[in-house]
Every structure is written in structure tokens, then in C-alpha cells.
All heavy atoms as atom14 arrays in JSON, in Angstrom:
{
  "sequence": "LRLSCVVTGRTLSVYDYGWFRQDPGKEREFVAAVRWSTGTTSY",
  "atom14_mask": [
    [1, 1, 1, 1, 1, 1, 1, 1, 0, 0, 0, 0, 0, 0],
    [1, 1, 1, 1, 1, 1, 1, 1, 1, 1, 1, 0, 0, 0],
    [1, 1, 1, 1, 1, 1, 1, 1, 0, 0, 0, 0, 0, 0],
    [1, 1, 1, 1, 1, 1, 0, 0, 0, 0, 0, 0, 0, 0],
    [1, 1, 1, 1, 1, 1, 0, 0, 0, 0, 0, 0, 0, 0],
    [1, 1, 1, 1, 1, 1, 1, 0, 0, 0, 0, 0, 0, 0],
    [1, 1, 1, 1, 1, 1, 1, 0, 0, 0, 0, 0, 0, 0],
    [1, 1, 1, 1, 1, 1, 1, 0, 0, 0, 0, 0, 0, 0],
    [1, 1, 1, 1, 0, 0, 0, 0, 0, 0, 0, 0, 0, 0],
    [1, 1, 1, 1, 1, 1, 1, 1, 1, 1, 1, 0, 0, 0],
    [1, 1, 1, 1, 1, 1, 1, 0, 0, 0, 0, 0, 0, 0],
    [1, 1, 1, 1, 1, 1, 1, 1, 0, 0, 0, 0, 0, 0],
    [1, 1, 1, 1, 1, 1, 0, 0, 0, 0, 0, 0, 0, 0],
    [1, 1, 1, 1, 1, 1, 1, 0, 0, 0, 0, 0, 0, 0],
    [1, 1, 1, 1, 1, 1, 1, 1, 1, 1, 1, 1, 0, 0],
    [1, 1, 1, 1, 1, 1, 1, 1, 0, 0, 0, 0, 0, 0],
    [1, 1, 1, 1, 1, 1, 1, 1, 1, 1, 1, 1, 0, 0],
    [1, 1, 1, 1, 0, 0, 0, 0, 0, 0, 0, 0, 0, 0],
    [1, 1, 1, 1, 1, 1, 1, 1, 1, 1, 1, 1, 1, 1],
    [1, 1, 1, 1, 1, 1, 1, 1, 1, 1, 1, 0, 0, 0],
    [1, 1, 1, 1, 1, 1, 1, 1, 1, 1, 1, 0, 0, 0],
    [1, 1, 1, 1, 1, 1, 1, 1, 1, 0, 0, 0, 0, 0],
    [1, 1, 1, 1, 1, 1, 1, 1, 0, 0, 0, 0, 0, 0],
    [1, 1, 1, 1, 1, 1, 1, 0, 0, 0, 0, 0, 0, 0],
    [1, 1, 1, 1, 0, 0, 0, 0, 0, 0, 0, 0, 0, 0],
    [1, 1, 1, 1, 1, 1, 1, 1, 1, 0, 0, 0, 0, 0],
    [1, 1, 1, 1, 1, 1, 1, 1, 1, 0, 0, 0, 0, 0],
    [1, 1, 1, 1, 1, 1, 1, 1, 1, 1, 1, 0, 0, 0],
    [1, 1, 1, 1, 1, 1, 1, 1, 1, 0, 0, 0, 0, 0],
    [1, 1, 1, 1, 1, 1, 1, 1, 1, 1, 1, 0, 0, 0],
    [1, 1, 1, 1, 1, 1, 1, 0, 0, 0, 0, 0, 0, 0],
    [1, 1, 1, 1, 1, 0, 0, 0, 0, 0, 0, 0, 0, 0],
    [1, 1, 1, 1, 1, 0, 0, 0, 0, 0, 0, 0, 0, 0],
    [1, 1, 1, 1, 1, 1, 1, 0, 0, 0, 0, 0, 0, 0],
    [1, 1, 1, 1, 1, 1, 1, 1, 1, 1, 1, 0, 0, 0],
    [1, 1, 1, 1, 1, 1, 1, 1, 1, 1, 1, 1, 1, 1],
    [1, 1, 1, 1, 1, 1, 0, 0, 0, 0, 0, 0, 0, 0],
    [1, 1, 1, 1, 1, 1, 1, 0, 0, 0, 0, 0, 0, 0],
    [1, 1, 1, 1, 0, 0, 0, 0, 0, 0, 0, 0, 0, 0],
    [1, 1, 1, 1, 1, 1, 1, 0, 0, 0, 0, 0, 0, 0],
    [1, 1, 1, 1, 1, 1, 1, 0, 0, 0, 0, 0, 0, 0],
    [1, 1, 1, 1, 1, 1, 0, 0, 0, 0, 0, 0, 0, 0],
    [1, 1, 1, 1, 1, 1, 1, 1, 1, 1, 1, 1, 0, 0]
  ],
  "atom14_positions": [
    [[0.86, -1.18, 0.0], [0.0, 0.0, 0.0], [0.89, 1.22, 0.0], [1.95, 1.22, 0.64], [-0.89, 0.0, 1.25], [-2.06, 0.95, 1.33], [-3.11, 0.57, 0.3], [-2.67, 0.92, 2.73], [0.0, 0.0, 0.0], [0.0, 0.0, 0.0], [0.0, 0.0, 0.0], [0.0, 0.0, 0.0], [0.0, 0.0, 0.0], [0.0, 0.0, 0.0]],
    [[0.46, 2.26, -0.72], [1.2, 3.51, -0.67], [0.28, 4.61, -0.16], [-0.74, 4.91, -0.79], [1.77, 3.91, -2.03], [2.72, 5.11, -1.92], [3.34, 5.5, -3.25], [2.41, 6.25, -4.09], [2.78, 6.97, -5.14], [4.06, 7.05, -5.47], [1.87, 7.61, -5.86], [0.0, 0.0, 0.0], [0.0, 0.0, 0.0], [0.0, 0.0, 0.0]],
    [[0.66, 5.21, 0.95], [-0.07, 6.34, 1.5], [0.53, 7.63, 0.94], [1.74, 7.72, 0.74], [0.02, 6.34, 3.02], [-0.43, 5.05, 3.71], [-0.29, 5.2, 5.23], [-1.83, 4.68, 3.32], [0.0, 0.0, 0.0], [0.0, 0.0, 0.0], [0.0, 0.0, 0.0], [0.0, 0.0, 0.0], [0.0, 0.0, 0.0], [0.0, 0.0, 0.0]],
    [[-0.35, 8.6, 0.71], [0.09, 9.88, 0.16], [-0.28, 11.01, 1.11], [-1.3, 10.94, 1.8], [-0.57, 10.14, -1.19], [-0.23, 9.13, -2.12], [0.0, 0.0, 0.0], [0.0, 0.0, 0.0], [0.0, 0.0, 0.0], [0.0, 0.0, 0.0], [0.0, 0.0, 0.0], [0.0, 0.0, 0.0], [0.0, 0.0, 0.0], [0.0, 0.0, 0.0]],
    [[0.53, 12.05, 1.1], [0.27, 13.24, 1.92], [0.53, 14.46, 1.05], [1.66, 14.7, 0.62], [1.17, 13.24, 3.14], [1.04, 14.7, 4.19], [0.0, 0.0, 0.0], [0.0, 0.0, 0.0], [0.0, 0.0, 0.0], [0.0, 0.0, 0.0], [0.0, 0.0, 0.0], [0.0, 0.0, 0.0], [0.0, 0.0, 0.0], [0.0, 0.0, 0.0]],
    [[-0.54, 15.2, 0.76], [-0.4, 16.46, 0.02], [0.03, 17.54, 1.0], [-0.6, 17.73, 2.05], [-1.73, 16.85, -0.64], [-1.59, 18.17, -1.37], [-2.21, 15.76, -1.58], [0.0, 0.0, 0.0], [0.0, 0.0, 0.0], [0.0, 0.0, 0.0], [0.0, 0.0, 0.0], [0.0, 0.0, 0.0], [0.0, 0.0, 0.0], [0.0, 0.0, 0.0]],
    [[1.08, 18.26, 0.64], [1.62, 19.29, 1.52], [1.42, 20.65, 0.85], [1.82, 20.84, -0.3], [3.12, 19.06, 1.77], [3.66, 20.1, 2.71], [3.35, 17.66, 2.32], [0.0, 0.0, 0.0], [0.0, 0.0, 0.0], [0.0, 0.0, 0.0], [0.0, 0.0, 0.0], [0.0, 0.0, 0.0], [0.0, 0.0, 0.0], [0.0, 0.0, 0.0]],
    [[0.79, 21.58, 1.55], [0.62, 22.93, 1.02], [1.06, 23.94, 2.07], [1.03, 23.67, 3.27], [-0.85, 23.2, 0.64], [-1.68, 22.97, 1.78], [-1.29, 22.28, -0.49], [0.0, 0.0, 0.0], [0.0, 0.0, 0.0], [0.0, 0.0, 0.0], [0.0, 0.0, 0.0], [0.0, 0.0, 0.0], [0.0, 0.0, 0.0], [0.0, 0.0, 0.0]],
    [[1.46, 25.1, 1.58], [1.91, 26.15, 2.46], [3.14, 26.82, 1.89], [3.58, 26.52, 0.78], [0.0, 0.0, 0.0], [0.0, 0.0, 0.0], [0.0, 0.0, 0.0], [0.0, 0.0, 0.0], [0.0, 0.0, 0.0], [0.0, 0.0, 0.0], [0.0, 0.0, 0.0], [0.0, 0.0, 0.0], [0.0, 0.0, 0.0], [0.0, 0.0, 0.0]],
    [[3.72, 27.71, 2.67], [4.91, 28.44, 2.24], [6.16, 27.8, 2.84], [6.1, 27.17, 3.88], [4.8, 29.9, 2.67], [3.59, 30.59, 2.09], [3.46, 32.01, 2.6], [4.59, 32.82, 2.17], [4.72, 34.1, 2.51], [3.84, 34.67, 3.29], [5.75, 34.79, 2.08], [0.0, 0.0, 0.0], [0.0, 0.0, 0.0], [0.0, 0.0, 0.0]],
    [[7.24, 27.96, 2.19], [8.56, 27.5, 2.66], [8.54, 26.06, 3.14], [8.94, 25.75, 4.27], [9.1, 28.42, 3.78], [8.19, 28.44, 4.88], [9.32, 29.81, 3.24], [0.0, 0.0, 0.0], [0.0, 0.0, 0.0], [0.0, 0.0, 0.0], [0.0, 0.0, 0.0], [0.0, 0.0, 0.0], [0.0, 0.0, 0.0], [0.0, 0.0, 0.0]],
    [[8.09, 25.16, 2.3], [8.01, 23.75, 2.66], [9.38, 23.17, 2.98], [9.49, 22.19, 3.72], [7.35, 22.95, 1.54], [5.95, 23.39, 1.13], [5.44, 22.46, 0.03], [5.0, 23.4, 2.31], [0.0, 0.0, 0.0], [0.0, 0.0, 0.0], [0.0, 0.0, 0.0], [0.0, 0.0, 0.0], [0.0, 0.0, 0.0], [0.0, 0.0, 0.0]],
    [[10.42, 23.76, 2.43], [11.76, 23.21, 2.57], [12.34, 23.36, 3.97], [13.37, 22.76, 4.27], [12.7, 23.86, 1.56], [12.78, 25.25, 1.8], [0.0, 0.0, 0.0], [0.0, 0.0, 0.0], [0.0, 0.0, 0.0], [0.0, 0.0, 0.0], [0.0, 0.0, 0.0], [0.0, 0.0, 0.0], [0.0, 0.0, 0.0], [0.0, 0.0, 0.0]],
    [[11.71, 24.14, 4.83], [12.24, 24.31, 6.18], [11.6, 23.34, 7.16], [11.72, 23.49, 8.38], [12.07, 25.76, 6.69], [12.8, 26.72, 5.76], [10.61, 26.14, 6.83], [0.0, 0.0, 0.0], [0.0, 0.0, 0.0], [0.0, 0.0, 0.0], [0.0, 0.0, 0.0], [0.0, 0.0, 0.0], [0.0, 0.0, 0.0], [0.0, 0.0, 0.0]],
    [[10.91, 22.34, 6.62], [10.25, 21.35, 7.46], [10.79, 19.95, 7.21], [11.23, 19.62, 6.11], [8.75, 21.32, 7.2], [8.02, 22.55, 7.67], [7.94, 23.68, 6.87], [7.41, 22.58, 8.92], [7.28, 24.81, 7.3], [6.73, 23.71, 9.36], [6.67, 24.82, 8.54], [6.02, 25.94, 8.98], [0.0, 0.0, 0.0], [0.0, 0.0, 0.0]],
    [[10.72, 19.13, 8.26], [10.82, 17.69, 8.12], [9.39, 17.15, 8.12], [8.49, 17.75, 8.73], [11.57, 17.05, 9.3], [13.05, 17.36, 9.3], [13.58, 17.76, 8.23], [13.69, 17.2, 10.35], [0.0, 0.0, 0.0], [0.0, 0.0, 0.0], [0.0, 0.0, 0.0], [0.0, 0.0, 0.0], [0.0, 0.0, 0.0], [0.0, 0.0, 0.0]],
    [[9.2, 16.0, 7.47], [7.87, 15.42, 7.38], [7.92, 13.99, 7.89], [8.83, 13.22, 7.53], [7.36, 15.47, 5.94], [7.22, 16.89, 5.47], [8.31, 17.57, 4.95], [6.01, 17.58, 5.62], [8.2, 18.91, 4.57], [5.9, 18.9, 5.24], [7.0, 19.56, 4.72], [6.9, 20.87, 4.36], [0.0, 0.0, 0.0], [0.0, 0.0, 0.0]],
    [[6.95, 13.67, 8.71], [6.95, 12.34, 9.31], [5.62, 11.63, 9.14], [4.6, 12.25, 8.87], [0.0, 0.0, 0.0], [0.0, 0.0, 0.0], [0.0, 0.0, 0.0], [0.0, 0.0, 0.0], [0.0, 0.0, 0.0], [0.0, 0.0, 0.0], [0.0, 0.0, 0.0], [0.0, 0.0, 0.0], [0.0, 0.0, 0.0], [0.0, 0.0, 0.0]],
    [[5.69, 10.32, 9.27], [4.49, 9.49, 9.34], [4.44, 8.84, 10.72], [5.44, 8.3, 11.21], [4.49, 8.4, 8.27], [4.18, 8.88, 6.89], [5.08, 9.23, 5.93], [2.89, 9.06, 6.31], [4.42, 9.61, 4.79], [3.07, 9.51, 5.0], [1.59, 8.86, 6.77], [2.01, 9.79, 4.13], [0.53, 9.12, 5.93], [0.74, 9.58, 4.62]],
    [[3.26, 8.91, 11.32], [2.98, 8.26, 12.59], [1.75, 7.37, 12.4], [1.0, 7.53, 11.43], [2.68, 9.29, 13.69], [3.88, 10.06, 14.15], [4.41, 11.08, 13.37], [4.47, 9.79, 15.36], [5.52, 11.8, 13.77], [5.58, 10.52, 15.8], [6.09, 11.51, 15.0], [0.0, 0.0, 0.0], [0.0, 0.0, 0.0], [0.0, 0.0, 0.0]],
    [[1.56, 6.45, 13.33], [0.34, 5.65, 13.29], [-0.19, 5.48, 14.71], [0.57, 5.55, 15.69], [0.59, 4.29, 12.64], [1.51, 3.36, 13.42], [1.75, 2.08, 12.61], [2.46, 1.07, 13.39], [2.8, -0.12, 12.91], [2.53, -0.44, 11.65], [3.44, -0.97, 13.68], [0.0, 0.0, 0.0], [0.0, 0.0, 0.0], [0.0, 0.0, 0.0]],
    [[-1.49, 5.27, 14.78], [-2.14, 5.13, 16.09], [-3.29, 4.16, 16.01], [-4.19, 4.31, 15.18], [-2.63, 6.49, 16.6], [-3.13, 6.45, 18.03], [-3.37, 7.85, 18.59], [-3.57, 8.81, 17.85], [-3.34, 7.97, 19.9], [0.0, 0.0, 0.0], [0.0, 0.0, 0.0], [0.0, 0.0, 0.0], [0.0, 0.0, 0.0], [0.0, 0.0, 0.0]],
    [[-3.23, 3.17, 16.87], [-4.31, 2.21, 17.03], [-5.16, 2.67, 18.21], [-4.61, 3.24, 19.17], [-3.71, 0.83, 17.31], [-4.49, -0.28, 16.67], [-5.42, 0.02, 15.9], [-4.19, -1.45, 16.94], [0.0, 0.0, 0.0], [0.0, 0.0, 0.0], [0.0, 0.0, 0.0], [0.0, 0.0, 0.0], [0.0, 0.0, 0.0], [0.0, 0.0, 0.0]],
    [[-6.46, 2.45, 18.2], [-7.29, 2.86, 19.33], [-6.77, 2.31, 20.65], [-6.41, 1.12, 20.74], [-8.65, 2.27, 19.0], [-8.67, 2.19, 17.52], [-7.25, 1.87, 17.13], [0.0, 0.0, 0.0], [0.0, 0.0, 0.0], [0.0, 0.0, 0.0], [0.0, 0.0, 0.0], [0.0, 0.0, 0.0], [0.0, 0.0, 0.0], [0.0, 0.0, 0.0]],
    [[-6.67, 3.17, 21.65], [-6.22, 2.73, 22.96], [-4.71, 2.72, 23.11], [-4.2, 2.38, 24.18], [0.0, 0.0, 0.0], [0.0, 0.0, 0.0], [0.0, 0.0, 0.0], [0.0, 0.0, 0.0], [0.0, 0.0, 0.0], [0.0, 0.0, 0.0], [0.0, 0.0, 0.0], [0.0, 0.0, 0.0], [0.0, 0.0, 0.0], [0.0, 0.0, 0.0]],
    [[-4.0, 3.07, 22.05], [-2.54, 3.08, 22.1], [-2.0, 4.47, 21.81], [-2.71, 5.31, 21.25], [-1.97, 2.09, 21.1], [-2.33, 0.63, 21.38], [-1.66, -0.28, 20.37], [-2.01, -1.74, 20.64], [-1.38, -2.66, 19.64], [0.0, 0.0, 0.0], [0.0, 0.0, 0.0], [0.0, 0.0, 0.0], [0.0, 0.0, 0.0], [0.0, 0.0, 0.0]],
    [[-0.75, 4.69, 22.16], [-0.13, 5.98, 21.88], [0.24, 6.09, 20.41], [0.44, 5.09, 19.72], [1.14, 6.15, 22.74], [0.86, 6.3, 24.22], [2.11, 6.67, 25.0], [3.2, 6.75, 24.4], [2.0, 6.86, 26.22], [0.0, 0.0, 0.0], [0.0, 0.0, 0.0], [0.0, 0.0, 0.0], [0.0, 0.0, 0.0], [0.0, 0.0, 0.0]],
    [[0.32, 7.33, 19.95], [0.74, 7.56, 18.58], [2.2, 7.13, 18.44], [3.04, 7.48, 19.26], [0.55, 9.02, 18.22], [0.61, 9.33, 16.76], [0.04, 10.69, 16.45], [-1.4, 10.74, 16.69], [-2.16, 11.78, 16.34], [-1.62, 12.82, 15.75], [-3.45, 11.76, 16.59], [0.0, 0.0, 0.0], [0.0, 0.0, 0.0], [0.0, 0.0, 0.0]],
    [[2.5, 6.41, 17.36], [3.79, 5.75, 17.19], [4.51, 6.3, 15.96], [3.93, 6.35, 14.86], [3.54, 4.25, 17.04], [4.73, 3.39, 16.82], [4.35, 1.92, 16.69], [3.37, 1.61, 15.97], [5.03, 1.07, 17.3], [0.0, 0.0, 0.0], [0.0, 0.0, 0.0], [0.0, 0.0, 0.0], [0.0, 0.0, 0.0], [0.0, 0.0, 0.0]],
    [[5.78, 6.66, 16.13], [6.6, 7.13, 15.01], [6.86, 5.98, 14.04], [7.17, 4.86, 14.47], [7.91, 7.68, 15.53], [8.92, 7.98, 14.46], [8.76, 9.08, 13.63], [10.03, 7.17, 14.26], [9.68, 9.36, 12.63], [10.96, 7.44, 13.28], [10.78, 8.53, 12.46], [0.0, 0.0, 0.0], [0.0, 0.0, 0.0], [0.0, 0.0, 0.0]],
    [[6.75, 6.28, 12.75], [7.04, 5.29, 11.72], [8.28, 5.68, 10.92], [9.23, 4.9, 10.82], [5.83, 5.12, 10.77], [6.18, 4.14, 9.66], [4.6, 4.67, 11.53], [0.0, 0.0, 0.0], [0.0, 0.0, 0.0], [0.0, 0.0, 0.0], [0.0, 0.0, 0.0], [0.0, 0.0, 0.0], [0.0, 0.0, 0.0], [0.0, 0.0, 0.0]],
    [[8.27, 6.89, 10.35], [9.37, 7.31, 9.49], [9.32, 8.82, 9.31], [8.28, 9.45, 9.51], [9.29, 6.62, 8.13], [0.0, 0.0, 0.0], [0.0, 0.0, 0.0], [0.0, 0.0, 0.0], [0.0, 0.0, 0.0], [0.0, 0.0, 0.0], [0.0, 0.0, 0.0], [0.0, 0.0, 0.0], [0.0, 0.0, 0.0], [0.0, 0.0, 0.0]],
    [[10.46, 9.39, 8.92], [10.53, 10.83, 8.67], [11.49, 11.09, 7.51], [12.4, 10.3, 7.25], [11.0, 11.57, 9.91], [0.0, 0.0, 0.0], [0.0, 0.0, 0.0], [0.0, 0.0, 0.0], [0.0, 0.0, 0.0], [0.0, 0.0, 0.0], [0.0, 0.0, 0.0], [0.0, 0.0, 0.0], [0.0, 0.0, 0.0], [0.0, 0.0, 0.0]],
    [[11.27, 12.22, 6.84], [12.13, 12.63, 5.73], [12.35, 14.13, 5.77], [11.44, 14.89, 6.12], [11.51, 12.2, 4.37], [10.17, 12.89, 4.12], [12.48, 12.48, 3.23], [0.0, 0.0, 0.0], [0.0, 0.0, 0.0], [0.0, 0.0, 0.0], [0.0, 0.0, 0.0], [0.0, 0.0, 0.0], [0.0, 0.0, 0.0], [0.0, 0.0, 0.0]],
    [[13.55, 14.54, 5.45], [13.87, 15.98, 5.37], [13.6, 16.45, 3.95], [14.14, 15.88, 2.99], [15.32, 16.23, 5.78], [15.74, 17.71, 5.74], [16.84, 17.97, 6.74], [16.33, 17.79, 8.1], [17.1, 17.79, 9.19], [18.41, 17.94, 9.07], [16.58, 17.61, 10.37], [0.0, 0.0, 0.0], [0.0, 0.0, 0.0], [0.0, 0.0, 0.0]],
    [[12.75, 17.45, 3.82], [12.33, 17.92, 2.51], [13.51, 18.37, 1.66], [13.6, 18.09, 0.48], [11.34, 19.08, 2.68], [10.69, 19.51, 1.42], [11.11, 20.5, 0.56], [9.48, 18.99, 0.87], [10.22, 20.61, -0.49], [9.22, 19.7, -0.31], [8.59, 17.98, 1.28], [8.1, 19.45, -1.1], [7.48, 17.73, 0.5], [7.24, 18.46, -0.69]],
    [[14.45, 19.07, 2.28], [15.52, 19.72, 1.53], [16.58, 18.73, 1.05], [17.19, 18.95, -0.01], [16.17, 20.8, 2.38], [16.66, 20.25, 3.59], [0.0, 0.0, 0.0], [0.0, 0.0, 0.0], [0.0, 0.0, 0.0], [0.0, 0.0, 0.0], [0.0, 0.0, 0.0], [0.0, 0.0, 0.0], [0.0, 0.0, 0.0], [0.0, 0.0, 0.0]],
    [[16.81, 17.65, 1.8], [17.92, 16.74, 1.45], [17.47, 15.33, 1.12], [18.23, 14.57, 0.53], [18.91, 16.65, 2.62], [18.22, 16.07, 3.76], [19.46, 18.01, 2.99], [0.0, 0.0, 0.0], [0.0, 0.0, 0.0], [0.0, 0.0, 0.0], [0.0, 0.0, 0.0], [0.0, 0.0, 0.0], [0.0, 0.0, 0.0], [0.0, 0.0, 0.0]],
    [[16.25, 14.95, 1.52], [15.8, 13.58, 1.31], [16.3, 12.61, 2.37], [16.02, 11.4, 2.28], [0.0, 0.0, 0.0], [0.0, 0.0, 0.0], [0.0, 0.0, 0.0], [0.0, 0.0, 0.0], [0.0, 0.0, 0.0], [0.0, 0.0, 0.0], [0.0, 0.0, 0.0], [0.0, 0.0, 0.0], [0.0, 0.0, 0.0], [0.0, 0.0, 0.0]],
    [[17.02, 13.09, 3.35], [17.49, 12.23, 4.44], [16.3, 11.6, 5.16], [15.3, 12.26, 5.38], [18.32, 13.05, 5.44], [19.37, 13.7, 4.75], [18.89, 12.16, 6.53], [0.0, 0.0, 0.0], [0.0, 0.0, 0.0], [0.0, 0.0, 0.0], [0.0, 0.0, 0.0], [0.0, 0.0, 0.0], [0.0, 0.0, 0.0], [0.0, 0.0, 0.0]],
    [[16.43, 10.32, 5.52], [15.32, 9.61, 6.14], [15.7, 9.0, 7.48], [16.87, 8.79, 7.78], [14.81, 8.49, 5.22], [15.9, 7.58, 4.97], [14.28, 9.03, 3.91], [0.0, 0.0, 0.0], [0.0, 0.0, 0.0], [0.0, 0.0, 0.0], [0.0, 0.0, 0.0], [0.0, 0.0, 0.0], [0.0, 0.0, 0.0], [0.0, 0.0, 0.0]],
    [[14.66, 8.71, 8.26], [14.83, 8.02, 9.53], [13.63, 7.11, 9.71], [12.51, 7.47, 9.32], [14.9, 9.02, 10.68], [15.0, 8.36, 11.93], [0.0, 0.0, 0.0], [0.0, 0.0, 0.0], [0.0, 0.0, 0.0], [0.0, 0.0, 0.0], [0.0, 0.0, 0.0], [0.0, 0.0, 0.0], [0.0, 0.0, 0.0], [0.0, 0.0, 0.0]],
    [[13.87, 5.92, 10.29], [12.81, 4.93, 10.45], [12.77, 4.4, 11.87], [13.81, 4.29, 12.54], [13.02, 3.75, 9.5], [12.85, 4.08, 8.05], [13.94, 4.47, 7.27], [11.6, 4.03, 7.46], [13.78, 4.78, 5.92], [11.43, 4.33, 6.11], [12.52, 4.7, 5.36], [12.35, 5.0, 4.03], [0.0, 0.0, 0.0], [0.0, 0.0, 0.0]]
  ]
}
């Protein structure tokens, strides 16, 4: 499956973008992140 996230706003390059997930009754969990300007990732 591929999830998509449309990003709008000004100066998008000064942000990192992450994906989290949350199951009912559980805390929100980090999945992955990417730096807009360099493409560097973390999982």
C-alpha cells in the first residue's frame, strides 16, 4: 500500500515530514521521517 500526503503552504523546505500511526487505545507511534531539503530519512 502507498499512502500519500499532500503538503501545502509556504517554505516547505524548512520542514521535516513524518508518518505516525495510532491504534485505538494506544499511543501515537513514530514510523518514518524525511527531510524535505535533502531527502534524508529516519525509520
